Amino acid sequence: MAHSFVRNKQDILDIKAILDAHNSDIRIVAKIENQEGVDNIDEILEVADGVMIARGDLGIEVPQERIPGIQRVLIRKCILAKKPVIVATQMLHSRRCTSATGPTSRTGPLFSFDS
C-alpha cells in the first residue's frame, strides 16, 4: 500500500498498527511528497517497506531545480537501506513534444538514476 504525504516515522507506524490489528501482511510504501518527508527520510526508512519519490507533489513544496538533487540523495539512502525505491510522476515532463518537430528547446538532459 502506498501511504501519501508521509512526514515522519510515526505516520508509517500508525498505519502498521491498524494493519497489524487485522493480521494483515500488507507492506507499506512511503510516498515522499513534502520537505518534512525528505528531512526525515532516515527514520522513515527504518519502518517503511519501500519509498516512492512523488516528484509532482514534491515539486509543489520545493523549488523544481532542487528535485534532481533531492531525488539522488533519497535514492542513495534507499539503496543503502536495502529498500525498494520508485521514482514517480513527471519523469519526462520536459520532454513533451509541442509540435511534429520534436521536444521544445527548453528540454534538458534526463536526470541520471544510476549516479
C-alpha atoms as a PDB file:
ATOM      1  CA  MET A   1       0.000   0.000   0.000  1.00  0.00           C
ATOM      2  CA  ALA A   2       1.285   3.486  -0.820  1.00  0.00           C
ATOM      3  CA  HIS A   3       0.867   5.939   2.044  1.00  0.00           C
ATOM      4  CA  SER A   4       0.642   9.535   0.787  1.00  0.00           C
ATOM      5  CA  PHE A   5       2.381  12.573   2.252  1.00  0.00           C
ATOM      6  CA  VAL A   6       4.475  10.674   4.796  1.00  0.00           C
ATOM      7  CA  ARG A   7       6.172  13.195   7.065  1.00  0.00           C
ATOM      8  CA  ASN A   8       7.848  11.008   9.652  1.00  0.00           C
ATOM      9  CA  LYS A   9       8.232   7.551  11.147  1.00  0.00           C
ATOM     10  CA  GLN A  10       5.036   7.830  13.190  1.00  0.00           C
ATOM     11  CA  ASP A  11       2.910   8.203  10.039  1.00  0.00           C
ATOM     12  CA  ILE A  12       4.013   4.714   8.985  1.00  0.00           C
ATOM     13  CA  LEU A  13       3.761   3.225  12.478  1.00  0.00           C
ATOM     14  CA  ASP A  14       0.138   4.410  12.778  1.00  0.00           C
ATOM     15  CA  ILE A  15      -0.846   2.574   9.585  1.00  0.00           C
ATOM     16  CA  LYS A  16       1.151  -0.517  10.577  1.00  0.00           C
ATOM     17  CA  ALA A  17      -0.732  -0.648  13.901  1.00  0.00           C
ATOM     18  CA  ILE A  18      -4.067  -0.709  12.070  1.00  0.00           C
ATOM     19  CA  LEU A  19      -2.847  -3.392   9.663  1.00  0.00           C
ATOM     20  CA  ASP A  20      -1.365  -5.469  12.498  1.00  0.00           C
ATOM     21  CA  ALA A  21      -4.682  -5.321  14.387  1.00  0.00           C
ATOM     22  CA  HIS A  22      -6.236  -7.057  11.377  1.00  0.00           C
ATOM     23  CA  ASN A  23      -3.395  -9.567  10.991  1.00  0.00           C
ATOM     24  CA  SER A  24      -2.525  -8.058   7.628  1.00  0.00           C
ATOM     25  CA  ASP A  25       0.782  -8.628   5.912  1.00  0.00           C
ATOM     26  CA  ILE A  26       0.325  -5.656   3.582  1.00  0.00           C
ATOM     27  CA  ARG A  27       3.557  -3.782   3.009  1.00  0.00           C
ATOM     28  CA  ILE A  28       3.743  -0.006   3.146  1.00  0.00           C
ATOM     29  CA  VAL A  29       5.477   2.232   0.624  1.00  0.00           C
ATOM     30  CA  ALA A  30       6.081   5.730   1.978  1.00  0.00           C
ATOM     31  CA  LYS A  31       5.291   8.410  -0.598  1.00  0.00           C
ATOM     32  CA  ILE A  32       7.711  11.286  -0.114  1.00  0.00           C
ATOM     33  CA  GLU A  33       5.842  14.377  -1.276  1.00  0.00           C
ATOM     34  CA  ASN A  34       6.968  17.163   1.065  1.00  0.00           C
ATOM     35  CA  GLN A  35      10.060  18.683   2.649  1.00  0.00           C
ATOM     36  CA  GLU A  36       9.311  17.135   6.031  1.00  0.00           C
ATOM     37  CA  GLY A  37       9.363  13.672   4.474  1.00  0.00           C
ATOM     38  CA  VAL A  38      12.681  14.476   2.801  1.00  0.00           C
ATOM     39  CA  ASP A  39      14.128  15.762   6.076  1.00  0.00           C
ATOM     40  CA  ASN A  40      13.007  12.637   7.962  1.00  0.00           C
ATOM     41  CA  ILE A  41      13.896  10.024   5.345  1.00  0.00           C
ATOM     42  CA  ASP A  42      16.310   8.163   7.638  1.00  0.00           C
ATOM     43  CA  GLU A  43      13.673   7.464  10.284  1.00  0.00           C
ATOM     44  CA  ILE A  44      11.054   6.716   7.616  1.00  0.00           C
ATOM     45  CA  LEU A  45      13.369   4.107   6.100  1.00  0.00           C
ATOM     46  CA  GLU A  46      13.588   2.379   9.489  1.00  0.00           C
ATOM     47  CA  VAL A  47       9.894   1.404   9.322  1.00  0.00           C
ATOM     48  CA  ALA A  48       8.701   1.660   5.699  1.00  0.00           C
ATOM     49  CA  ASP A  49       8.912  -1.302   3.331  1.00  0.00           C
ATOM     50  CA  GLY A  50       9.803   0.954   0.409  1.00  0.00           C
ATOM     51  CA  VAL A  51       9.769   4.554  -0.784  1.00  0.00           C
ATOM     52  CA  MET A  52       8.100   6.360  -3.654  1.00  0.00           C
ATOM     53  CA  ILE A  53       9.534   9.741  -4.598  1.00  0.00           C
ATOM     54  CA  ALA A  54       6.478  11.617  -5.877  1.00  0.00           C
ATOM     55  CA  ARG A  55       8.159  14.295  -7.975  1.00  0.00           C
ATOM     56  CA  GLY A  56       4.952  16.098  -8.904  1.00  0.00           C
ATOM     57  CA  ASP A  57       3.768  16.891  -5.388  1.00  0.00           C
ATOM     58  CA  LEU A  58       7.320  17.330  -4.118  1.00  0.00           C
ATOM     59  CA  GLY A  59       7.846  19.932  -6.858  1.00  0.00           C
ATOM     60  CA  ILE A  60       4.999  21.991  -5.404  1.00  0.00           C
ATOM     61  CA  GLU A  61       6.663  22.106  -1.985  1.00  0.00           C
ATOM     62  CA  VAL A  62      10.279  22.628  -3.034  1.00  0.00           C
ATOM     63  CA  PRO A  63      11.800  24.521  -5.976  1.00  0.00           C
ATOM     64  CA  GLN A  64      11.850  22.432  -9.171  1.00  0.00           C
ATOM     65  CA  GLU A  65      15.594  22.869  -9.562  1.00  0.00           C
ATOM     66  CA  ARG A  66      16.160  21.060  -6.240  1.00  0.00           C
ATOM     67  CA  ILE A  67      14.225  17.937  -7.263  1.00  0.00           C
ATOM     68  CA  PRO A  68      17.107  16.126  -9.043  1.00  0.00           C
ATOM     69  CA  GLY A  69      19.440  16.571  -6.067  1.00  0.00           C
ATOM     70  CA  ILE A  70      16.807  15.501  -3.554  1.00  0.00           C
ATOM     71  CA  GLN A  71      15.939  12.534  -5.746  1.00  0.00           C
ATOM     72  CA  ARG A  72      19.591  11.481  -5.932  1.00  0.00           C
ATOM     73  CA  VAL A  73      20.004  11.638  -2.132  1.00  0.00           C
ATOM     74  CA  LEU A  74      16.783   9.712  -1.482  1.00  0.00           C
ATOM     75  CA  ILE A  75      17.670   7.003  -3.997  1.00  0.00           C
ATOM     76  CA  ARG A  76      21.109   6.560  -2.422  1.00  0.00           C
ATOM     77  CA  LYS A  77      19.635   6.311   1.073  1.00  0.00           C
ATOM     78  CA  CYS A  78      17.100   3.721  -0.098  1.00  0.00           C
ATOM     79  CA  ILE A  79      19.812   1.650  -1.752  1.00  0.00           C
ATOM     80  CA  LEU A  80      21.961   1.777   1.390  1.00  0.00           C
ATOM     81  CA  ALA A  81      18.942   0.762   3.497  1.00  0.00           C
ATOM     82  CA  LYS A  82      18.191  -2.042   1.002  1.00  0.00           C
ATOM     83  CA  LYS A  83      14.673  -0.696   0.453  1.00  0.00           C
ATOM     84  CA  PRO A  84      12.959  -0.568  -2.936  1.00  0.00           C
ATOM     85  CA  VAL A  85      12.531   2.918  -4.359  1.00  0.00           C
ATOM     86  CA  ILE A  86      10.112   4.136  -7.018  1.00  0.00           C
ATOM     87  CA  VAL A  87      10.511   7.470  -8.788  1.00  0.00           C
ATOM     88  CA  ALA A  88       7.098   8.640  -9.954  1.00  0.00           C
ATOM     89  CA  THR A  89       5.359  11.445 -11.821  1.00  0.00           C
ATOM     90  CA  GLN A  90       6.670  13.979 -14.298  1.00  0.00           C
ATOM     91  CA  MET A  91       9.606  11.817 -15.335  1.00  0.00           C
ATOM     92  CA  LEU A  92       9.503  13.041 -18.922  1.00  0.00           C
ATOM     93  CA  HIS A  93       7.538  16.244 -18.361  1.00  0.00           C
ATOM     94  CA  SER A  94      10.157  18.447 -20.035  1.00  0.00           C
ATOM     95  CA  ARG A  95      10.383  16.038 -22.970  1.00  0.00           C
ATOM     96  CA  ARG A  96       6.823  16.630 -24.169  1.00  0.00           C
ATOM     97  CA  CYS A  97       6.579  17.429 -27.846  1.00  0.00           C
ATOM     98  CA  THR A  98       4.714  20.577 -28.752  1.00  0.00           C
ATOM     99  CA  SER A  99       4.953  20.047 -32.495  1.00  0.00           C
ATOM    100  CA  ALA A 100       5.883  17.413 -35.040  1.00  0.00           C
ATOM    101  CA  THR A 101       9.487  18.664 -34.962  1.00  0.00           C
ATOM    102  CA  GLY A 102      10.233  17.250 -31.526  1.00  0.00           C
ATOM    103  CA  PRO A 103      10.786  18.412 -27.968  1.00  0.00           C
ATOM    104  CA  THR A 104      10.764  22.074 -27.109  1.00  0.00           C
ATOM    105  CA  SER A 105      14.031  23.987 -26.960  1.00  0.00           C
ATOM    106  CA  ARG A 106      13.903  24.187 -23.179  1.00  0.00           C
ATOM    107  CA  THR A 107      14.337  20.420 -22.910  1.00  0.00           C
ATOM    108  CA  GLY A 108      17.281  19.459 -20.760  1.00  0.00           C
ATOM    109  CA  PRO A 109      19.024  16.144 -20.327  1.00  0.00           C
ATOM    110  CA  LEU A 110      17.274  13.437 -18.370  1.00  0.00           C
ATOM    111  CA  PHE A 111      18.480  13.047 -14.822  1.00  0.00           C
ATOM    112  CA  SER A 112      20.730  10.045 -14.308  1.00  0.00           C
ATOM    113  CA  PHE A 113      19.195   7.493 -11.923  1.00  0.00           C
ATOM    114  CA  ASP A 114      22.313   5.409 -11.542  1.00  0.00           C
ATOM    115  CA  SER A 115      24.548   8.094 -10.087  1.00  0.00           C
END
